[in-house]
C-alpha atoms as a PDB file:
ATOM      1  CA  MET A   1      21.382   5.481 106.078  1.00  0.00           C
ATOM      2  CA  ASN A   2      22.032   5.855 102.370  1.00  0.00           C
ATOM      3  CA  GLU A   3      25.262   7.848 102.139  1.00  0.00           C
ATOM      4  CA  GLY A   4      25.027   7.982  98.358  1.00  0.00           C
ATOM      5  CA  PHE A   5      26.137   5.884  95.454  1.00  0.00           C
ATOM      6  CA  CYS A   6      27.794   2.571  96.351  1.00  0.00           C
ATOM      7  CA  PRO A   7      29.506   0.936  93.337  1.00  0.00           C
ATOM      8  CA  ASP A   8      30.059  -2.302  95.225  1.00  0.00           C
ATOM      9  CA  LYS A   9      26.274  -2.696  95.440  1.00  0.00           C
ATOM     10  CA  CYS A  10      25.430  -1.641  91.859  1.00  0.00           C
ATOM     11  CA  PRO A  11      28.660  -1.594  89.806  1.00  0.00           C
ATOM     12  CA  HIS A  12      26.879  -1.413  86.457  1.00  0.00           C
ATOM     13  CA  TYR A  13      25.562   2.057  87.309  1.00  0.00           C
ATOM     14  CA  TYR A  14      29.113   3.069  88.152  1.00  0.00           C
ATOM     15  CA  GLU A  15      30.037   1.904  84.632  1.00  0.00           C
ATOM     16  CA  GLU A  16      27.360   4.261  83.283  1.00  0.00           C
ATOM     17  CA  PHE A  17      28.831   7.040  85.430  1.00  0.00           C
ATOM     18  CA  VAL A  18      32.264   6.486  83.861  1.00  0.00           C
ATOM     19  CA  LYS A  19      30.852   6.372  80.316  1.00  0.00           C
ATOM     20  CA  GLU A  20      29.054   9.676  80.861  1.00  0.00           C
ATOM     21  CA  ILE A  21      32.244  11.292  82.148  1.00  0.00           C
ATOM     22  CA  HIS A  22      34.060  10.567  78.889  1.00  0.00           C
ATOM     23  CA  PHE A  23      31.031  11.504  76.786  1.00  0.00           C
ATOM     24  CA  SER A  24      30.646  14.986  78.310  1.00  0.00           C
ATOM     25  CA  ARG A  25      34.222  16.126  78.931  1.00  0.00           C
ATOM     26  CA  SER A  26      34.091  18.982  76.400  1.00  0.00           C
ATOM     27  CA  PHE A  27      30.816  20.215  77.900  1.00  0.00           C
ATOM     28  CA  ARG A  28      32.314  20.223  81.402  1.00  0.00           C
ATOM     29  CA  LYS A  29      35.210  22.315  80.127  1.00  0.00           C
ATOM     30  CA  GLN A  30      32.673  24.967  79.121  1.00  0.00           C
ATOM     31  CA  ILE A  31      31.183  24.849  82.630  1.00  0.00           C
ATOM     32  CA  TYR A  32      34.609  25.309  84.226  1.00  0.00           C
ATOM     33  CA  GLU A  33      35.145  28.353  82.026  1.00  0.00           C
ATOM     34  CA  THR A  34      31.689  29.733  82.888  1.00  0.00           C
ATOM     35  CA  ILE A  35      32.376  29.601  86.635  1.00  0.00           C
ATOM     36  CA  GLU A  36      35.959  30.846  86.139  1.00  0.00           C
ATOM     37  CA  LEU A  37      37.373  27.787  87.830  1.00  0.00           C
ATOM     38  CA  LYS A  38      40.946  28.901  87.143  1.00  0.00           C
ATOM     39  CA  LYS A  39      40.418  31.821  89.535  1.00  0.00           C
ATOM     40  CA  ALA A  40      39.189  29.614  92.380  1.00  0.00           C
ATOM     41  CA  LYS A  41      41.465  29.215  95.387  1.00  0.00           C
ATOM     42  CA  ARG A  42      39.627  26.339  97.089  1.00  0.00           C
ATOM     43  CA  ILE A  43      37.427  23.687  95.444  1.00  0.00           C
ATOM     44  CA  LEU A  44      35.408  20.909  97.084  1.00  0.00           C
ATOM     45  CA  GLU A  45      34.172  17.822  95.258  1.00  0.00           C
ATOM     46  CA  ILE A  46      31.396  15.823  96.925  1.00  0.00           C
ATOM     47  CA  GLY A  47      31.070  12.094  96.176  1.00  0.00           C
ATOM     48  CA  SER A  48      34.432  11.829  94.432  1.00  0.00           C
ATOM     49  CA  ARG A  49      34.513   8.007  94.052  1.00  0.00           C
ATOM     50  CA  ILE A  50      37.856   6.996  92.478  1.00  0.00           C
ATOM     51  CA  GLY A  51      38.766  10.584  91.603  1.00  0.00           C
ATOM     52  CA  ILE A  52      38.030  10.829  87.880  1.00  0.00           C
ATOM     53  CA  ILE A  53      36.437  14.271  88.183  1.00  0.00           C
ATOM     54  CA  SER A  54      38.977  15.225  90.867  1.00  0.00           C
ATOM     55  CA  GLN A  55      41.794  14.590  88.415  1.00  0.00           C
ATOM     56  CA  GLU A  56      40.035  16.667  85.783  1.00  0.00           C
ATOM     57  CA  LEU A  57      39.604  19.542  88.241  1.00  0.00           C
ATOM     58  CA  ARG A  58      43.323  19.321  88.992  1.00  0.00           C
ATOM     59  CA  GLU A  59      44.055  19.716  85.281  1.00  0.00           C
ATOM     60  CA  PHE A  60      41.832  22.786  84.952  1.00  0.00           C
ATOM     61  CA  SER A  61      42.763  24.634  88.145  1.00  0.00           C
ATOM     62  CA  ASP A  62      45.701  25.426  90.409  1.00  0.00           C
ATOM     63  CA  ALA A  63      43.361  25.711  93.404  1.00  0.00           C
ATOM     64  CA  GLN A  64      43.584  23.711  96.602  1.00  0.00           C
ATOM     65  CA  ILE A  65      41.225  20.803  95.886  1.00  0.00           C
ATOM     66  CA  THR A  66      39.499  18.738  98.550  1.00  0.00           C
ATOM     67  CA  ALA A  67      37.495  15.647  97.577  1.00  0.00           C
ATOM     68  CA  ILE A  68      35.318  13.588  99.905  1.00  0.00           C
ATOM     69  CA  ASP A  69      33.453  10.327  99.679  1.00  0.00           C
ATOM     70  CA  ALA A  70      31.665   8.121 102.196  1.00  0.00           C
ATOM     71  CA  ASP A  71      33.432   4.947 100.993  1.00  0.00           C
ATOM     72  CA  HIS A  72      36.930   4.409 102.400  1.00  0.00           C
ATOM     73  CA  LEU A  73      37.856   2.005  99.576  1.00  0.00           C
ATOM     74  CA  MET A  74      37.054   4.635  96.966  1.00  0.00           C
ATOM     75  CA  ILE A  75      39.106   7.206  98.870  1.00  0.00           C
ATOM     76  CA  ALA A  76      42.068   4.817  99.071  1.00  0.00           C
ATOM     77  CA  GLU A  77      41.988   4.154  95.327  1.00  0.00           C
ATOM     78  CA  ALA A  78      41.550   7.830  94.484  1.00  0.00           C
ATOM     79  CA  SER A  79      44.500   8.784  96.684  1.00  0.00           C
ATOM     80  CA  ASP A  80      46.702   6.285  94.842  1.00  0.00           C
ATOM     81  CA  ARG A  81      45.739   7.362  91.339  1.00  0.00           C
ATOM     82  CA  VAL A  82      45.358  11.157  91.654  1.00  0.00           C
ATOM     83  CA  LYS A  83      48.058  13.480  92.944  1.00  0.00           C
ATOM     84  CA  GLY A  84      47.634  17.044  94.124  1.00  0.00           C
ATOM     85  CA  VAL A  85      44.173  16.487  95.622  1.00  0.00           C
ATOM     86  CA  GLU A  86      43.338  16.042  99.307  1.00  0.00           C
ATOM     87  CA  PHE A  87      41.049  13.016  99.625  1.00  0.00           C
ATOM     88  CA  PHE A  88      39.337  11.967 102.811  1.00  0.00           C
ATOM     89  CA  ARG A  89      36.389   9.929 103.957  1.00  0.00           C
ATOM     90  CA  SER A  90      33.444  11.927 105.234  1.00  0.00           C
ATOM     91  CA  SER A  91      29.690  11.900 105.407  1.00  0.00           C
ATOM     92  CA  GLU A  92      28.343  13.638 102.328  1.00  0.00           C
ATOM     93  CA  ASP A  93      25.231  14.805 104.165  1.00  0.00           C
ATOM     94  CA  LYS A  94      26.851  16.427 107.226  1.00  0.00           C
ATOM     95  CA  LEU A  95      29.981  18.174 106.032  1.00  0.00           C
ATOM     96  CA  THR A  96      32.722  18.862 108.567  1.00  0.00           C
ATOM     97  CA  MET A  97      33.967  22.007 106.793  1.00  0.00           C
ATOM     98  CA  ARG A  98      33.416  25.495 108.117  1.00  0.00           C
ATOM     99  CA  ASP A  99      30.875  27.878 106.606  1.00  0.00           C
ATOM    100  CA  GLU A 100      31.911  29.670 103.400  1.00  0.00           C
ATOM    101  CA  SER A 101      35.186  27.774 102.955  1.00  0.00           C
ATOM    102  CA  PHE A 102      35.160  27.073  99.192  1.00  0.00           C
ATOM    103  CA  ASP A 103      34.912  29.052  95.965  1.00  0.00           C
ATOM    104  CA  ALA A 104      33.260  26.131  94.179  1.00  0.00           C
ATOM    105  CA  VAL A 105      31.497  22.974  95.362  1.00  0.00           C
ATOM    106  CA  ILE A 106      31.086  20.348  92.660  1.00  0.00           C
ATOM    107  CA  CYS A 107      29.377  16.970  92.285  1.00  0.00           C
ATOM    108  CA  HIS A 108      28.628  14.482  89.495  1.00  0.00           C
ATOM    109  CA  TYR A 109      25.961  11.713  89.468  1.00  0.00           C
ATOM    110  CA  PHE A 110      25.381  12.543  93.133  1.00  0.00           C
ATOM    111  CA  PHE A 111      21.830  13.676  93.861  1.00  0.00           C
ATOM    112  CA  ILE A 112      20.236  10.716  92.055  1.00  0.00           C
ATOM    113  CA  TRP A 113      21.397   8.531  94.979  1.00  0.00           C
ATOM    114  CA  LYS A 114      20.493  10.861  97.852  1.00  0.00           C
ATOM    115  CA  PRO A 115      17.317  10.196  99.871  1.00  0.00           C
ATOM    116  CA  LYS A 116      17.249  13.875 100.916  1.00  0.00           C
ATOM    117  CA  PRO A 117      18.823  15.784  98.019  1.00  0.00           C
ATOM    118  CA  PHE A 118      17.694  19.205  99.237  1.00  0.00           C
ATOM    119  CA  ALA A 119      19.375  18.713 102.615  1.00  0.00           C
ATOM    120  CA  SER A 120      22.572  17.641 100.840  1.00  0.00           C
ATOM    121  CA  LEU A 121      22.414  20.741  98.653  1.00  0.00           C
ATOM    122  CA  MET A 122      21.962  23.029 101.664  1.00  0.00           C
ATOM    123  CA  GLU A 123      25.149  21.614 103.166  1.00  0.00           C
ATOM    124  CA  MET A 124      26.980  22.334  99.908  1.00  0.00           C
ATOM    125  CA  ILE A 125      25.657  25.899  99.982  1.00  0.00           C
ATOM    126  CA  ARG A 126      26.719  26.333 103.599  1.00  0.00           C
ATOM    127  CA  VAL A 127      30.380  25.598 102.876  1.00  0.00           C
ATOM    128  CA  CYS A 128      30.425  27.667  99.664  1.00  0.00           C
ATOM    129  CA  LYS A 129      31.547  31.289  99.803  1.00  0.00           C
ATOM    130  CA  LYS A 130      29.111  34.044  98.890  1.00  0.00           C
ATOM    131  CA  GLY A 131      29.600  34.674  95.184  1.00  0.00           C
ATOM    132  CA  GLY A 132      30.856  31.121  94.725  1.00  0.00           C
ATOM    133  CA  TYR A 133      29.299  28.292  92.731  1.00  0.00           C
ATOM    134  CA  ILE A 134      27.577  25.025  93.479  1.00  0.00           C
ATOM    135  CA  VAL A 135      27.658  22.837  90.372  1.00  0.00           C
ATOM    136  CA  ALA A 136      25.891  19.561  89.641  1.00  0.00           C
ATOM    137  CA  LEU A 137      27.830  18.511  86.558  1.00  0.00           C
ATOM    138  CA  ALA A 138      25.502  15.673  85.562  1.00  0.00           C
ATOM    139  CA  GLU A 139      22.318  14.123  86.917  1.00  0.00           C
ATOM    140  CA  PRO A 140      20.592  11.578  84.649  1.00  0.00           C
ATOM    141  CA  ASP A 141      16.838  11.261  84.290  1.00  0.00           C
ATOM    142  CA  TYR A 142      15.847   7.709  83.415  1.00  0.00           C
ATOM    143  CA  GLY A 143      12.206   8.792  83.294  1.00  0.00           C
ATOM    144  CA  GLY A 144      13.148  10.639  80.105  1.00  0.00           C
ATOM    145  CA  TRP A 145      14.881   7.604  78.613  1.00  0.00           C
ATOM    146  CA  ILE A 146      14.091   7.189  74.925  1.00  0.00           C
ATOM    147  CA  GLU A 147      14.330   3.887  73.133  1.00  0.00           C
ATOM    148  CA  HIS A 148      12.826   2.741  69.865  1.00  0.00           C
ATOM    149  CA  PRO A 149      11.527   0.158  69.397  1.00  0.00           C
ATOM    150  CA  ASN A 150      10.578  -0.035  73.057  1.00  0.00           C
ATOM    151  CA  LEU A 151      11.914  -3.267  74.554  1.00  0.00           C
ATOM    152  CA  GLY A 152      11.527  -2.000  78.120  1.00  0.00           C
ATOM    153  CA  LEU A 153      15.205  -1.431  78.925  1.00  0.00           C
ATOM    154  CA  GLY A 154      14.597   2.040  80.337  1.00  0.00           C
ATOM    155  CA  GLU A 155      11.776   0.847  82.591  1.00  0.00           C
ATOM    156  CA  TYR A 156      13.978  -1.930  83.950  1.00  0.00           C
ATOM    157  CA  HIS A 157      16.760   0.555  84.696  1.00  0.00           C
ATOM    158  CA  GLN A 158      14.301   2.660  86.682  1.00  0.00           C
ATOM    159  CA  LYS A 159      13.272  -0.366  88.729  1.00  0.00           C
ATOM    160  CA  ALA A 160      16.892  -1.329  89.383  1.00  0.00           C
ATOM    161  CA  ILE A 161      17.872   2.153  90.556  1.00  0.00           C
ATOM    162  CA  LYS A 162      14.885   2.242  92.908  1.00  0.00           C
ATOM    163  CA  GLN A 163      15.951  -1.124  94.333  1.00  0.00           C
ATOM    164  CA  HIS A 164      19.241   0.502  95.339  1.00  0.00           C
ATOM    165  CA  GLY A 165      17.580   3.502  96.975  1.00  0.00           C
ATOM    166  CA  GLY A 166      18.024   5.964  94.115  1.00  0.00           C
ATOM    167  CA  ASN A 167      15.578   8.241  92.338  1.00  0.00           C
ATOM    168  CA  PRO A 168      15.842   7.418  88.607  1.00  0.00           C
ATOM    169  CA  ASN A 169      13.811  10.504  87.648  1.00  0.00           C
ATOM    170  CA  PHE A 170      15.766  13.010  89.715  1.00  0.00           C
ATOM    171  CA  GLY A 171      17.322  14.941  86.827  1.00  0.00           C
ATOM    172  CA  ARG A 172      14.160  16.934  86.116  1.00  0.00           C
ATOM    173  CA  SER A 173      14.086  18.121  89.765  1.00  0.00           C
ATOM    174  CA  LEU A 174      17.581  19.595  89.699  1.00  0.00           C
ATOM    175  CA  GLN A 175      16.590  23.149  88.795  1.00  0.00           C
ATOM    176  CA  SER A 176      13.772  23.070  91.341  1.00  0.00           C
ATOM    177  CA  ILE A 177      15.988  22.297  94.324  1.00  0.00           C
ATOM    178  CA  PHE A 178      18.682  24.771  93.237  1.00  0.00           C
ATOM    179  CA  SER A 179      16.198  27.606  92.763  1.00  0.00           C
ATOM    180  CA  SER A 180      14.298  26.741  95.948  1.00  0.00           C
ATOM    181  CA  ALA A 181      17.580  26.969  97.865  1.00  0.00           C
ATOM    182  CA  GLY A 182      18.025  30.582  96.755  1.00  0.00           C
ATOM    183  CA  LEU A 183      20.718  29.969  94.160  1.00  0.00           C
ATOM    184  CA  GLU A 184      20.952  32.030  90.998  1.00  0.00           C
ATOM    185  CA  THR A 185      20.586  29.031  88.721  1.00  0.00           C
ATOM    186  CA  LYS A 186      21.406  28.166  85.130  1.00  0.00           C
ATOM    187  CA  LYS A 187      20.385  24.783  83.762  1.00  0.00           C
ATOM    188  CA  HIS A 188      21.459  22.696  80.800  1.00  0.00           C
ATOM    189  CA  ILE A 189      20.134  19.471  79.316  1.00  0.00           C
ATOM    190  CA  ASN A 190      22.264  17.190  77.179  1.00  0.00           C
ATOM    191  CA  SER A 191      21.021  14.035  75.542  1.00  0.00           C
ATOM    192  CA  ARG A 192      23.432  11.144  75.479  1.00  0.00           C
ATOM    193  CA  ILE A 193      22.615   9.212  72.307  1.00  0.00           C
ATOM    194  CA  TRP A 194      24.178   5.799  71.899  1.00  0.00           C
ATOM    195  CA  ASP A 195      25.808   5.337  68.493  1.00  0.00           C
ATOM    196  CA  LYS A 196      25.805   2.015  66.665  1.00  0.00           C
ATOM    197  CA  GLU A 197      29.246   0.993  67.921  1.00  0.00           C
ATOM    198  CA  GLU A 198      28.295   1.666  71.537  1.00  0.00           C
ATOM    199  CA  LEU A 199      25.084  -0.294  71.114  1.00  0.00           C
ATOM    200  CA  GLU A 200      26.939  -3.256  69.605  1.00  0.00           C
ATOM    201  CA  ASN A 201      29.550  -3.248  72.371  1.00  0.00           C
ATOM    202  CA  ASN A 202      27.272  -2.692  75.342  1.00  0.00           C
ATOM    203  CA  ILE A 203      23.699  -3.819  74.758  1.00  0.00           C
ATOM    204  CA  ALA A 204      24.203  -7.431  75.876  1.00  0.00           C
ATOM    205  CA  ASN A 205      25.859  -6.208  79.066  1.00  0.00           C
ATOM    206  CA  GLU A 206      22.994  -3.768  79.684  1.00  0.00           C
ATOM    207  CA  TRP A 207      20.500  -6.623  79.665  1.00  0.00           C
ATOM    208  CA  PHE A 208      22.845  -8.861  81.663  1.00  0.00           C
ATOM    209  CA  ASN A 209      22.891  -6.219  84.389  1.00  0.00           C
ATOM    210  CA  ILE A 210      19.089  -6.228  84.420  1.00  0.00           C
ATOM    211  CA  LYS A 211      19.187 -10.014  84.763  1.00  0.00           C
ATOM    212  CA  LYS A 212      21.624  -9.688  87.682  1.00  0.00           C
ATOM    213  CA  GLU A 213      19.017  -7.548  89.418  1.00  0.00           C
ATOM    214  CA  ASN A 214      16.616 -10.531  89.079  1.00  0.00           C
ATOM    215  CA  LEU A 215      14.234  -8.460  86.981  1.00  0.00           C
ATOM    216  CA  ILE A 216      14.234 -10.876  84.027  1.00  0.00           C
ATOM    217  CA  THR A 217      14.842 -14.603  83.559  1.00  0.00           C
ATOM    218  CA  ASP A 218      17.613 -16.260  81.567  1.00  0.00           C
ATOM    219  CA  ASP A 219      15.180 -16.977  78.735  1.00  0.00           C
ATOM    220  CA  GLU A 220      13.986 -13.374  78.704  1.00  0.00           C
ATOM    221  CA  TYR A 221      17.581 -12.184  78.652  1.00  0.00           C
ATOM    222  CA  ASN A 222      18.434 -14.345  75.633  1.00  0.00           C
ATOM    223  CA  SER A 223      15.313 -13.195  73.808  1.00  0.00           C
ATOM    224  CA  LYS A 224      15.990  -9.501  74.506  1.00  0.00           C
ATOM    225  CA  VAL A 225      19.606  -9.688  73.348  1.00  0.00           C
ATOM    226  CA  GLU A 226      18.651 -11.548  70.162  1.00  0.00           C
ATOM    227  CA  LYS A 227      16.092  -8.854  69.311  1.00  0.00           C
ATOM    228  CA  GLU A 228      18.527  -6.081  70.163  1.00  0.00           C
ATOM    229  CA  LEU A 229      21.340  -7.382  67.986  1.00  0.00           C
ATOM    230  CA  LYS A 230      19.022  -7.773  64.998  1.00  0.00           C
ATOM    231  CA  LEU A 231      17.718  -4.221  65.413  1.00  0.00           C
ATOM    232  CA  ILE A 232      21.233  -2.828  65.794  1.00  0.00           C
ATOM    233  CA  GLN A 233      22.483  -4.734  62.754  1.00  0.00           C
ATOM    234  CA  ASP A 234      19.640  -3.275  60.692  1.00  0.00           C
ATOM    235  CA  ASN A 235      20.352   0.217  62.105  1.00  0.00           C
ATOM    236  CA  LEU A 236      16.874   0.409  63.650  1.00  0.00           C
ATOM    237  CA  ARG A 237      17.784   0.869  67.319  1.00  0.00           C
ATOM    238  CA  ILE A 238      17.703   4.231  69.132  1.00  0.00           C
ATOM    239  CA  ILE A 239      18.592   4.814  72.800  1.00  0.00           C
ATOM    240  CA  ALA A 240      19.036   8.232  74.404  1.00  0.00           C
ATOM    241  CA  LEU A 241      19.270   9.441  77.996  1.00  0.00           C
ATOM    242  CA  PRO A 242      18.790  13.073  79.125  1.00  0.00           C
ATOM    243  CA  ILE A 243      21.502  14.422  81.424  1.00  0.00           C
ATOM    244  CA  PHE A 244      20.747  17.539  83.495  1.00  0.00           C
ATOM    245  CA  THR A 245      23.290  20.088  84.719  1.00  0.00           C
ATOM    246  CA  ALA A 246      22.784  22.960  87.158  1.00  0.00           C
ATOM    247  CA  ILE A 247      25.104  25.865  87.948  1.00  0.00           C
ATOM    248  CA  GLY A 248      24.074  27.744  91.071  1.00  0.00           C
ATOM    249  CA  LYS A 249      25.660  30.996  92.209  1.00  0.00           C
ATOM    250  CA  LYS A 250      25.426  31.787  95.912  1.00  0.00           C
ATOM    251  CA  VAL A 251      24.277  35.393  95.773  1.00  0.00           C
ATOM    252  CA  VAL A 252      22.532  35.791  99.148  1.00  0.00           C
ATOM    253  CA  ILE A 253      22.155  33.782 102.317  1.00  0.00           C
ATOM    254  CA  GLN A 254      18.581  32.527 102.287  1.00  0.00           C
ATOM    255  CA  GLN A 255      16.534  32.156 105.456  1.00  0.00           C
ATOM    256  CA  ASN A 256      13.674  29.693 105.925  1.00  0.00           C
ATOM    257  CA  VAL A 257      14.061  28.070 102.515  1.00  0.00           C
ATOM    258  CA  ILE A 258      11.442  25.502 101.544  1.00  0.00           C
ATOM    259  CA  ASP A 259      12.355  21.959 100.571  1.00  0.00           C
ATOM    260  CA  PRO A 260      10.464  21.315  97.289  1.00  0.00           C
ATOM    261  CA  TYR A 261      10.399  17.611  98.170  1.00  0.00           C
ATOM    262  CA  ASP A 262       8.096  18.367 101.090  1.00  0.00           C
ATOM    263  CA  ASP A 263       5.266  18.817  98.605  1.00  0.00           C
ATOM    264  CA  LEU A 264       5.916  15.612  96.660  1.00  0.00           C
END
């Protein structure tokens, strides 16, 4: 069973996860203010990995914070690097917590890796108190990837994510599953645009990761990187990735909700 994102299997997508965290910190601060995180008494983070978001939550709130992940190595590292947060290994799809235990349930780059995202969301809703918030801080949508000129990097990323059991186009579905679950939902879309320095520092590694997935040959890799560097040098390269956010308030307990994925 796919328990979610596994950085040991696809570490380059974990690198993207970390880059996005630094890129969107100021935006997340606005979200924490919107949901009045400072007033929360208990917070749960799902899919905490090495605790980067957990540490940020600790900085913004005095609440009791619990963070879970399916990978025991990630939990061990997070426990060493972040203090004041209770980390433990747990299935992310069948939570062991009691109903209505938390004021806020938070995740980041989580649903993109879930084979049954709606079921995962319903578990998050179950353990959230009425009037509390379920927040997906960031879910990318590689189907909305923009690059010019088009060298196919976005299409290769989609193929690679699918190879690891993820849904590269999930971001656009975020509002649908939140609303279908009965949450009072607000959505946001940010576009992460790579500047020239980021392109220069990372583009060769982006294509190397595609090569590691056996999607291109060594010769194709060399050709792609040569073209990329020339375009970047001439300031002709554009890459952007849409990042979706959803804030869901648990206003009522819904009965017989419909999984929107059943119709796909």
